[in-house]
Amino acid sequence: MAGLGVMRVAEIRLQEGESLENALRRFKRKVQTEDIIKEVKRHSYYLKPGERRRVKQALAQKRARKKIRKERD
């Protein structure tokens, strides 16, 4: 089945005596480290290749400007 991506699911197991708040914190951290949210946002709409390239270049320029600003301070 070409074209179908692999769906990743973050999963944690509750440890003995662990509070729900701690488990939720661990879950959020795991979702963040696996970049699941970034992938969902990236696939939520289609960018043409040229448009994707322009966005990538704009982000690189923004990072460069930020780096220069930081070095001046």
C-alpha atoms as a PDB file:
ATOM      1  CA  MET A   1       0.000   0.000   0.000  1.00  0.00           C
ATOM      2  CA  ALA A   2       2.128   2.841  -1.269  1.00  0.00           C
ATOM      3  CA  GLY A   3       1.413   6.310   0.000  1.00  0.00           C
ATOM      4  CA  LEU A   4       0.244   5.292   3.449  1.00  0.00           C
ATOM      5  CA  GLY A   5       2.408   6.615   6.283  1.00  0.00           C
ATOM      6  CA  VAL A   6       3.183   4.817   9.468  1.00  0.00           C
ATOM      7  CA  MET A   7       1.050   6.102  12.293  1.00  0.00           C
ATOM      8  CA  ARG A   8       2.966   6.546  15.527  1.00  0.00           C
ATOM      9  CA  VAL A   9       1.206   6.488  18.847  1.00  0.00           C
ATOM     10  CA  ALA A  10       2.768   7.683  22.074  1.00  0.00           C
ATOM     11  CA  GLU A  11       2.117   5.223  24.846  1.00  0.00           C
ATOM     12  CA  ILE A  12       3.030   5.210  28.526  1.00  0.00           C
ATOM     13  CA  ARG A  13       2.240   2.731  31.249  1.00  0.00           C
ATOM     14  CA  LEU A  14       1.095   3.884  34.657  1.00  0.00           C
ATOM     15  CA  GLN A  15       3.667   2.995  37.256  1.00  0.00           C
ATOM     16  CA  GLU A  16       2.713   1.605  40.652  1.00  0.00           C
ATOM     17  CA  GLY A  17       1.429   4.433  42.846  1.00  0.00           C
ATOM     18  CA  GLU A  18       2.029   7.108  40.194  1.00  0.00           C
ATOM     19  CA  SER A  19      -0.348  10.055  40.191  1.00  0.00           C
ATOM     20  CA  LEU A  20      -2.353  10.889  37.091  1.00  0.00           C
ATOM     21  CA  GLU A  21      -0.696  14.313  36.887  1.00  0.00           C
ATOM     22  CA  ASN A  22       2.779  12.746  36.709  1.00  0.00           C
ATOM     23  CA  ALA A  23       1.639  10.243  34.088  1.00  0.00           C
ATOM     24  CA  LEU A  24       0.102  13.037  32.008  1.00  0.00           C
ATOM     25  CA  ARG A  25       3.326  15.032  32.288  1.00  0.00           C
ATOM     26  CA  ARG A  26       5.330  12.026  31.079  1.00  0.00           C
ATOM     27  CA  PHE A  27       2.877  11.508  28.203  1.00  0.00           C
ATOM     28  CA  LYS A  28       3.124  15.135  27.085  1.00  0.00           C
ATOM     29  CA  ARG A  29       6.919  14.971  27.189  1.00  0.00           C
ATOM     30  CA  LYS A  30       6.917  11.777  25.123  1.00  0.00           C
ATOM     31  CA  VAL A  31       4.569  13.289  22.511  1.00  0.00           C
ATOM     32  CA  GLN A  32       6.840  16.332  22.299  1.00  0.00           C
ATOM     33  CA  THR A  33      10.053  14.326  21.926  1.00  0.00           C
ATOM     34  CA  GLU A  34       8.567  12.119  19.207  1.00  0.00           C
ATOM     35  CA  ASP A  35       7.446  15.201  17.220  1.00  0.00           C
ATOM     36  CA  ILE A  36       3.948  13.772  16.772  1.00  0.00           C
ATOM     37  CA  ILE A  37       2.272  17.188  16.842  1.00  0.00           C
ATOM     38  CA  LYS A  38       4.738  18.586  14.295  1.00  0.00           C
ATOM     39  CA  GLU A  39       3.951  15.692  11.943  1.00  0.00           C
ATOM     40  CA  VAL A  40       0.200  16.205  12.300  1.00  0.00           C
ATOM     41  CA  LYS A  41       0.530  19.918  11.519  1.00  0.00           C
ATOM     42  CA  ARG A  42       2.812  19.191   8.568  1.00  0.00           C
ATOM     43  CA  HIS A  43       0.312  16.780   7.033  1.00  0.00           C
ATOM     44  CA  SER A  44      -2.769  18.875   7.747  1.00  0.00           C
ATOM     45  CA  TYR A  45      -2.436  20.715   4.422  1.00  0.00           C
ATOM     46  CA  TYR A  46      -0.511  20.299   1.176  1.00  0.00           C
ATOM     47  CA  LEU A  47       2.304  22.586   0.084  1.00  0.00           C
ATOM     48  CA  LYS A  48       3.529  22.552  -3.477  1.00  0.00           C
ATOM     49  CA  PRO A  49       7.250  21.781  -3.753  1.00  0.00           C
ATOM     50  CA  GLY A  50       8.127  25.367  -4.736  1.00  0.00           C
ATOM     51  CA  GLU A  51       6.056  26.753  -1.906  1.00  0.00           C
ATOM     52  CA  ARG A  52       7.666  24.331   0.551  1.00  0.00           C
ATOM     53  CA  ARG A  53      11.107  25.493  -0.638  1.00  0.00           C
ATOM     54  CA  ARG A  54      10.150  29.164  -0.128  1.00  0.00           C
ATOM     55  CA  VAL A  55       8.879  28.445   3.376  1.00  0.00           C
ATOM     56  CA  LYS A  56      12.066  26.552   4.204  1.00  0.00           C
ATOM     57  CA  GLN A  57      14.234  29.425   2.926  1.00  0.00           C
ATOM     58  CA  ALA A  58      12.190  31.984   4.848  1.00  0.00           C
ATOM     59  CA  LEU A  59      12.628  30.018   8.076  1.00  0.00           C
ATOM     60  CA  ALA A  60      16.383  29.736   7.449  1.00  0.00           C
ATOM     61  CA  GLN A  61      16.626  33.513   6.924  1.00  0.00           C
ATOM     62  CA  LYS A  62      14.622  34.125  10.081  1.00  0.00           C
ATOM     63  CA  ARG A  63      16.963  31.862  12.083  1.00  0.00           C
ATOM     64  CA  ALA A  64      20.009  33.628  10.610  1.00  0.00           C
ATOM     65  CA  ARG A  65      18.638  37.069  11.549  1.00  0.00           C
ATOM     66  CA  LYS A  66      17.888  35.835  15.063  1.00  0.00           C
ATOM     67  CA  LYS A  67      21.408  34.390  15.400  1.00  0.00           C
ATOM     68  CA  ILE A  68      22.985  37.673  14.266  1.00  0.00           C
ATOM     69  CA  ARG A  69      20.811  39.598  16.728  1.00  0.00           C
ATOM     70  CA  LYS A  70      21.859  37.289  19.568  1.00  0.00           C
ATOM     71  CA  GLU A  71      25.541  37.639  18.705  1.00  0.00           C
ATOM     72  CA  ARG A  72      25.297  41.453  18.804  1.00  0.00           C
ATOM     73  CA  ASP A  73      23.843  41.474  22.338  1.00  0.00           C
END
